[in-house]
Amino acid sequence: MIIVLRPNITKKAEKEILSEIRKLGYKPHVMRGVSRTVIGAIGDEQTHHTLETLTAFEQVESVTPIQKRYKLVSREAHAEDSTITLPNGAVIGGKELVVMAGPCSVEDEKQLMTTAEAVAEAGAKVLRGGAFKPRTSPYEFQGLGEKGLKLLAKARKATGLPIITELLSENHADMVAEYADVLQIGTRNAQNFQLLIAAAKTGKPVLLKRGMAQRIEEWLLAGEYVLSNNNPGLMFCERGIRTFETFTRNTLDLSAIPILKRASHCPVVIDPSQGSGRADLVAAMCKGAVAMGADSLLIEVHPNPAEAWSDGAQQLSLDGFKDLMLELEPFKAAAGRE
């Protein structure tokens, strides 16, 4: 930590600050300049107090951490890109662009099996589908629950596609993990830390979506809860943030891709369906995401979006998804993806 003192600090005040630094477990190193005194506090910021409370001293101008607060997700801890290998051999974070696709909600067996077979044939490597749905209104469809999980497992057996589905409750962690290959933590739970811990402890890979009003540092720190609970299978998913714009459901922040790639070793996933809320924008958002280095795409697909039980406006038709997969080929090649 670097502590900058205000000009003309008294010797007594400086001694009090140095004493407090030692009390908190750090070794102070004083550097005196022409107009400022700077103290370098040497110690393990992961196990000791961060010293930010030193600003309570009137003569402390600022306190700056040297280490990043998100230690395990950062490239300082792990310089190489992390990869996550799924049961079908797909590797997220490697050379291949892994596409996850399927309906927003599992509605019935016919809808799910039709979608699963179509996305598998078009080249998707993971089947997505919501069994538990966090809806803004309590009167909207909340998902089929365990029945939906069983249908997803049946679709996995038929197609060979691993399953990603959302975990909403700590109480459901073991049950959802029994069926799912990847656990998704949605935007409303992005800082539900006990849920993140419960998800991590299942041992299944965790896809952490960005909170709808979450700063990137907060998102990285939320991911720290997964890695710090001995689960290396963390993916960050940008799904759009809430802004003043009303033309789209959310504002998909593609700048998060290079930022996360620089700050973290974990794979980066883009959800263009939630990110825009408009099916007619999904293809463009996917192309931009691939060009900017995304490792994976999470796309909503439905046999008949007009009849979807949730979020029909943002779901691609089966033919639309097939066309998109073909359109992505030159962008994958340009980005060095397989």
Protein backbone atom coordinates (compact mmCIF):
# COMPACT_ATOMS: atom_id res chain seq x y z
CA MET A 1 0.00 0.00 0.00
CA ILE A 2 1.13 3.56 -0.71
CA ILE A 3 0.11 6.22 1.83
CA VAL A 4 0.58 9.86 0.81
CA LEU A 5 0.66 12.38 3.68
CA ARG A 6 -0.45 15.99 3.44
CA PRO A 7 2.18 18.77 3.31
CA ASN A 8 3.59 20.11 6.57
CA ILE A 9 2.53 17.11 8.64
CA THR A 10 3.70 17.26 12.24
CA LYS A 11 6.16 14.73 13.62
CA LYS A 12 3.58 13.67 16.21
CA ALA A 13 0.92 12.98 13.56
CA GLU A 14 3.41 11.07 11.42
CA LYS A 15 4.37 8.90 14.40
CA GLU A 16 0.69 8.12 15.08
CA ILE A 17 0.19 7.03 11.46
CA LEU A 18 3.34 4.88 11.48
CA SER A 19 2.20 3.26 14.73
CA GLU A 20 -1.20 2.46 13.22
CA ILE A 21 0.40 0.92 10.13
CA ARG A 22 2.52 -1.39 12.31
CA LYS A 23 -0.50 -2.26 14.45
CA LEU A 24 -2.35 -3.40 11.31
CA GLY A 25 0.45 -5.80 10.40
CA TYR A 26 2.52 -3.81 7.88
CA LYS A 27 6.10 -2.61 7.88
CA PRO A 28 6.28 1.11 7.00
CA HIS A 29 9.00 2.53 4.75
CA VAL A 30 9.14 6.35 4.82
CA MET A 31 10.13 8.31 1.70
CA ARG A 32 10.48 12.06 2.20
CA GLY A 33 10.13 14.42 -0.77
CA VAL A 34 10.36 18.19 -1.12
CA SER A 35 6.68 18.82 -0.39
CA ARG A 36 5.24 15.39 0.43
CA THR A 37 6.04 12.41 2.60
CA VAL A 38 5.08 9.02 1.20
CA ILE A 39 4.93 5.80 3.19
CA GLY A 40 5.25 2.42 1.55
CA ALA A 41 3.46 -0.14 3.73
CA ILE A 42 4.88 -3.59 3.08
CA GLY A 43 2.74 -6.61 3.89
CA ASP A 44 0.30 -9.14 2.49
CA GLU A 45 -2.82 -7.24 1.45
CA GLN A 46 -4.70 -10.52 1.06
CA THR A 47 -4.41 -11.48 4.73
CA HIS A 48 -4.15 -8.05 6.38
CA HIS A 49 -6.34 -4.98 6.62
CA THR A 50 -6.25 -2.92 3.41
CA LEU A 51 -5.24 0.28 5.31
CA GLU A 52 -7.84 2.32 3.42
CA THR A 53 -9.24 3.38 6.79
CA LEU A 54 -6.06 5.43 7.32
CA THR A 55 -7.84 8.20 5.43
CA ALA A 56 -9.65 8.75 8.74
CA PHE A 57 -6.43 10.55 9.79
CA GLU A 58 -6.81 14.19 8.81
CA GLN A 59 -3.22 14.38 7.55
CA VAL A 60 -3.45 11.33 5.24
CA GLU A 61 -4.12 12.53 1.71
CA SER A 62 -4.60 9.17 -0.02
CA VAL A 63 -4.14 5.41 0.31
CA THR A 64 -3.48 3.34 -2.84
CA PRO A 65 -3.29 -0.45 -2.98
CA ILE A 66 -0.38 -1.87 -4.97
CA GLN A 67 -1.88 -5.31 -5.39
CA LYS A 68 -5.20 -5.72 -7.15
CA ARG A 69 -8.12 -6.51 -4.88
CA TYR A 70 -9.13 -9.31 -7.23
CA LYS A 71 -6.05 -11.43 -6.73
CA LEU A 72 -6.95 -14.89 -8.01
CA VAL A 73 -8.81 -13.80 -11.15
CA SER A 74 -6.03 -11.41 -12.15
CA ARG A 75 -3.19 -12.10 -14.55
CA GLU A 76 -0.80 -11.31 -11.71
CA ALA A 77 -1.84 -14.63 -10.18
CA HIS A 78 -2.13 -16.57 -13.44
CA ALA A 79 -0.41 -15.12 -16.49
CA GLU A 80 -1.66 -17.69 -19.01
CA ASP A 81 -5.24 -17.93 -20.29
CA SER A 82 -7.34 -20.40 -18.32
CA THR A 83 -9.41 -22.96 -20.19
CA ILE A 84 -12.46 -24.99 -19.21
CA THR A 85 -12.97 -28.41 -20.78
CA LEU A 86 -16.54 -29.69 -20.98
CA PRO A 87 -17.69 -33.35 -21.03
CA ASN A 88 -18.01 -33.38 -24.84
CA GLY A 89 -14.42 -32.16 -25.24
CA ALA A 90 -15.28 -28.54 -26.05
CA VAL A 91 -12.70 -26.17 -24.57
CA ILE A 92 -13.80 -22.68 -23.56
CA GLY A 93 -10.89 -20.26 -23.62
CA GLY A 94 -8.92 -22.18 -26.24
CA LYS A 95 -8.67 -21.77 -30.01
CA GLU A 96 -12.25 -22.80 -30.68
CA LEU A 97 -15.14 -20.32 -30.47
CA VAL A 98 -17.63 -22.27 -28.35
CA VAL A 99 -21.26 -21.40 -29.02
CA MET A 100 -23.88 -22.09 -26.34
CA ALA A 101 -27.44 -21.96 -27.65
CA GLY A 102 -30.96 -22.88 -26.70
CA PRO A 103 -34.24 -21.45 -25.43
CA CYS A 104 -34.55 -18.79 -22.77
CA SER A 105 -36.94 -21.10 -20.90
CA VAL A 106 -37.55 -24.81 -21.09
CA GLU A 107 -41.26 -25.02 -21.92
CA ASP A 108 -41.93 -28.66 -22.83
CA GLU A 109 -40.16 -31.67 -24.27
CA LYS A 110 -41.02 -31.00 -27.91
CA GLN A 111 -39.82 -27.38 -27.80
CA LEU A 112 -36.55 -28.30 -26.09
CA MET A 113 -35.72 -31.38 -28.18
CA THR A 114 -36.48 -29.56 -31.44
CA THR A 115 -34.21 -26.69 -30.42
CA ALA A 116 -31.44 -28.92 -29.07
CA GLU A 117 -31.25 -31.00 -32.23
CA ALA A 118 -31.28 -27.90 -34.45
CA VAL A 119 -28.53 -26.01 -32.59
CA ALA A 120 -26.38 -29.16 -32.39
CA GLU A 121 -26.67 -29.68 -36.13
CA ALA A 122 -25.79 -26.02 -36.76
CA GLY A 123 -22.59 -26.30 -34.71
CA ALA A 124 -23.42 -25.31 -31.11
CA LYS A 125 -21.32 -27.14 -28.51
CA VAL A 126 -23.43 -26.42 -25.40
CA LEU A 127 -27.20 -26.38 -24.82
CA ARG A 128 -28.58 -23.53 -22.74
CA GLY A 129 -32.03 -23.49 -21.20
CA GLY A 130 -33.70 -22.00 -18.15
CA ALA A 131 -35.41 -24.33 -15.66
CA PHE A 132 -35.59 -21.69 -12.92
CA LYS A 133 -36.38 -18.20 -14.24
CA PRO A 134 -35.84 -14.96 -12.30
CA ARG A 135 -38.70 -12.78 -13.58
CA THR A 136 -39.32 -9.15 -12.74
CA SER A 137 -43.00 -9.84 -12.11
CA PRO A 138 -44.14 -12.65 -9.79
CA TYR A 139 -46.98 -13.34 -12.24
CA GLU A 140 -44.71 -14.21 -15.17
CA PHE A 141 -43.56 -17.75 -16.01
CA GLN A 142 -41.00 -18.83 -13.40
CA GLY A 143 -39.73 -21.99 -15.10
CA LEU A 144 -40.50 -25.69 -14.79
CA GLY A 145 -38.02 -26.29 -11.98
CA GLU A 146 -36.70 -29.82 -11.60
CA LYS A 147 -38.99 -31.02 -14.41
CA GLY A 148 -37.11 -28.61 -16.70
CA LEU A 149 -33.77 -29.96 -15.47
CA LYS A 150 -34.86 -33.49 -16.28
CA LEU A 151 -35.84 -32.41 -19.79
CA LEU A 152 -32.43 -30.78 -20.23
CA ALA A 153 -30.74 -34.00 -19.14
CA LYS A 154 -32.82 -35.90 -21.69
CA ALA A 155 -31.78 -33.46 -24.42
CA ARG A 156 -28.13 -33.88 -23.41
CA LYS A 157 -28.45 -37.65 -23.74
CA ALA A 158 -30.02 -37.29 -27.21
CA THR A 159 -27.58 -34.73 -28.62
CA GLY A 160 -24.37 -35.07 -26.59
CA LEU A 161 -24.46 -31.35 -25.74
CA PRO A 162 -23.46 -30.37 -22.19
CA ILE A 163 -26.03 -28.31 -20.29
CA ILE A 164 -25.76 -24.77 -18.91
CA THR A 165 -28.63 -23.55 -16.78
CA GLU A 166 -29.19 -20.85 -14.17
CA LEU A 167 -28.86 -21.39 -10.43
CA LEU A 168 -31.11 -19.08 -8.40
CA SER A 169 -30.95 -20.42 -4.87
CA GLU A 170 -28.37 -21.85 -2.50
CA ASN A 171 -31.00 -24.44 -1.57
CA HIS A 172 -31.04 -25.71 -5.17
CA ALA A 173 -27.26 -25.84 -5.69
CA ASP A 174 -26.81 -29.59 -5.29
CA MET A 175 -29.94 -30.42 -7.27
CA VAL A 176 -29.07 -28.17 -10.22
CA ALA A 177 -25.45 -29.39 -10.19
CA GLU A 178 -26.72 -32.96 -10.40
CA TYR A 179 -28.21 -32.22 -13.83
CA ALA A 180 -26.13 -29.32 -15.21
CA ASP A 181 -22.59 -29.30 -16.59
CA VAL A 182 -22.18 -25.52 -16.13
CA LEU A 183 -23.94 -23.34 -13.55
CA GLN A 184 -25.01 -19.87 -14.64
CA ILE A 185 -25.26 -17.04 -12.12
CA GLY A 186 -27.54 -14.37 -13.56
CA THR A 187 -27.37 -10.61 -13.43
CA ARG A 188 -29.71 -10.29 -10.45
CA ASN A 189 -27.46 -12.56 -8.39
CA ALA A 190 -24.10 -11.29 -9.61
CA GLN A 191 -23.25 -10.06 -6.09
CA ASN A 192 -25.14 -12.72 -4.15
CA PHE A 193 -21.92 -13.89 -2.54
CA GLN A 194 -23.36 -16.83 -0.61
CA LEU A 195 -24.89 -18.14 -3.84
CA LEU A 196 -21.53 -17.76 -5.58
CA ILE A 197 -19.87 -19.75 -2.81
CA ALA A 198 -22.54 -22.45 -3.02
CA ALA A 199 -22.10 -22.65 -6.80
CA ALA A 200 -18.33 -22.86 -6.47
CA LYS A 201 -18.53 -25.65 -3.91
CA THR A 202 -20.45 -27.91 -6.32
CA GLY A 203 -17.25 -28.19 -8.35
CA LYS A 204 -19.07 -27.42 -11.59
CA PRO A 205 -17.83 -24.62 -13.90
CA VAL A 206 -19.53 -21.31 -13.14
CA LEU A 207 -20.58 -18.72 -15.71
CA LEU A 208 -20.90 -15.39 -13.91
CA LYS A 209 -23.01 -12.81 -15.70
CA ARG A 210 -22.33 -9.13 -15.13
CA GLY A 211 -24.78 -7.33 -12.87
CA MET A 212 -27.01 -4.90 -14.73
CA ALA A 213 -25.40 -1.93 -12.97
CA GLN A 214 -22.10 -3.53 -11.97
CA ARG A 215 -18.71 -1.92 -12.43
CA ILE A 216 -16.04 -4.18 -13.89
CA GLU A 217 -13.98 -4.21 -10.69
CA GLU A 218 -17.06 -5.32 -8.72
CA TRP A 219 -17.64 -8.06 -11.30
CA LEU A 220 -14.05 -9.27 -11.01
CA LEU A 221 -14.31 -9.29 -7.23
CA ALA A 222 -17.52 -11.32 -7.45
CA GLY A 223 -15.60 -13.83 -9.56
CA GLU A 224 -12.98 -13.96 -6.81
CA TYR A 225 -15.57 -15.71 -4.62
CA VAL A 226 -15.60 -18.63 -7.07
CA LEU A 227 -11.83 -19.05 -7.38
CA SER A 228 -11.23 -18.48 -3.67
CA ASN A 229 -13.51 -21.44 -2.97
CA ASN A 230 -11.25 -23.81 -4.91
CA ASN A 231 -13.22 -23.83 -8.14
CA PRO A 232 -10.99 -22.96 -11.14
CA GLY A 233 -13.86 -23.15 -13.66
CA LEU A 234 -14.88 -19.48 -13.78
CA MET A 235 -16.15 -17.68 -16.89
CA PHE A 236 -17.23 -14.04 -17.08
CA CYS A 237 -20.29 -13.29 -19.22
CA GLU A 238 -21.06 -9.76 -20.43
CA ARG A 239 -24.83 -9.55 -20.92
CA GLY A 240 -25.40 -5.82 -21.22
CA ILE A 241 -25.74 -3.14 -18.58
CA ARG A 242 -28.62 -0.82 -17.82
CA THR A 243 -28.14 2.67 -19.23
CA PHE A 244 -30.38 5.58 -20.23
CA GLU A 245 -30.85 4.07 -23.73
CA THR A 246 -34.32 2.74 -24.57
CA PHE A 247 -33.81 1.49 -28.15
CA THR A 248 -32.32 -1.70 -26.70
CA ARG A 249 -33.18 -3.67 -23.59
CA ASN A 250 -29.62 -3.29 -22.31
CA THR A 251 -26.39 -1.74 -23.59
CA LEU A 252 -23.99 -4.53 -24.54
CA ASP A 253 -20.55 -3.40 -23.40
CA LEU A 254 -18.18 -5.01 -25.90
CA SER A 255 -15.32 -2.97 -24.45
CA ALA A 256 -15.50 -5.38 -21.51
CA ILE A 257 -13.87 -8.05 -23.70
CA PRO A 258 -10.40 -6.47 -24.10
CA ILE A 259 -10.60 -5.08 -20.56
CA LEU A 260 -11.26 -8.50 -19.06
CA LYS A 261 -8.71 -10.14 -21.33
CA ARG A 262 -6.09 -7.74 -20.01
CA ALA A 263 -7.15 -7.88 -16.35
CA SER A 264 -8.05 -11.56 -16.00
CA HIS A 265 -7.05 -15.01 -17.24
CA CYS A 266 -10.63 -16.34 -17.15
CA PRO A 267 -12.61 -17.00 -20.38
CA VAL A 268 -14.95 -14.27 -21.61
CA VAL A 269 -18.46 -15.06 -22.84
CA ILE A 270 -20.85 -12.65 -24.58
CA ASP A 271 -24.65 -12.89 -24.39
CA PRO A 272 -25.99 -10.80 -27.31
CA SER A 273 -29.59 -11.86 -26.68
CA GLN A 274 -29.89 -10.36 -23.20
CA GLY A 275 -27.38 -7.73 -24.23
CA SER A 276 -29.64 -6.12 -26.80
CA GLY A 277 -33.07 -7.64 -26.21
CA ARG A 278 -33.60 -7.65 -29.97
CA ALA A 279 -33.23 -10.64 -32.25
CA ASP A 280 -32.42 -8.38 -35.21
CA LEU A 281 -29.27 -7.15 -33.43
CA VAL A 282 -27.94 -10.50 -32.26
CA ALA A 283 -25.92 -11.31 -35.41
CA ALA A 284 -24.15 -7.94 -35.43
CA MET A 285 -23.34 -8.19 -31.73
CA CYS A 286 -21.96 -11.72 -32.20
CA LYS A 287 -19.72 -10.62 -35.05
CA GLY A 288 -18.39 -7.71 -33.02
CA ALA A 289 -17.79 -9.96 -30.02
CA VAL A 290 -15.85 -12.52 -32.04
CA ALA A 291 -13.76 -9.80 -33.69
CA MET A 292 -12.88 -8.39 -30.25
CA GLY A 293 -11.71 -11.72 -28.85
CA ALA A 294 -14.66 -13.32 -27.03
CA ASP A 295 -14.11 -16.99 -26.20
CA SER A 296 -17.74 -18.01 -26.34
CA LEU A 297 -21.24 -16.83 -27.27
CA LEU A 298 -24.45 -17.52 -25.34
CA ILE A 299 -27.40 -17.23 -27.73
CA GLU A 300 -31.12 -17.69 -27.19
CA VAL A 301 -32.89 -19.80 -29.83
CA HIS A 302 -36.54 -20.91 -30.08
CA PRO A 303 -38.56 -22.88 -32.69
CA ASN A 304 -41.19 -20.13 -32.72
CA PRO A 305 -40.04 -16.97 -30.89
CA ALA A 306 -43.46 -15.33 -31.26
CA GLU A 307 -44.90 -18.05 -29.00
CA ALA A 308 -42.05 -18.15 -26.46
CA TRP A 309 -43.09 -18.14 -22.81
CA SER A 310 -40.33 -15.65 -22.00
CA ASP A 311 -38.24 -13.08 -23.90
CA GLY A 312 -39.44 -14.02 -27.39
CA ALA A 313 -38.30 -10.70 -28.88
CA GLN A 314 -34.64 -11.53 -28.37
CA GLN A 315 -34.62 -15.18 -29.44
CA LEU A 316 -33.45 -16.33 -32.87
CA SER A 317 -35.49 -18.78 -34.91
CA LEU A 318 -33.90 -22.11 -35.80
CA ASP A 319 -33.18 -20.90 -39.35
CA GLY A 320 -31.86 -17.59 -38.00
CA PHE A 321 -29.40 -19.41 -35.78
CA LYS A 322 -28.25 -21.65 -38.63
CA ASP A 323 -27.64 -18.59 -40.83
CA LEU A 324 -25.75 -16.84 -38.02
CA MET A 325 -23.37 -19.78 -37.56
CA LEU A 326 -22.46 -19.59 -41.25
CA GLU A 327 -22.06 -15.80 -41.14
CA LEU A 328 -19.63 -16.09 -38.23
CA GLU A 329 -17.11 -18.18 -40.18
CA PRO A 330 -15.10 -15.29 -41.69
CA PHE A 331 -15.07 -13.47 -38.37
CA LYS A 332 -13.78 -16.57 -36.58
CA ALA A 333 -11.05 -16.92 -39.21
CA ALA A 334 -10.04 -13.28 -38.88
CA ALA A 335 -9.85 -13.62 -35.10
CA GLY A 336 -7.77 -16.81 -35.35
CA ARG A 337 -10.57 -18.98 -34.01
CA GLU A 338 -11.46 -22.49 -35.10
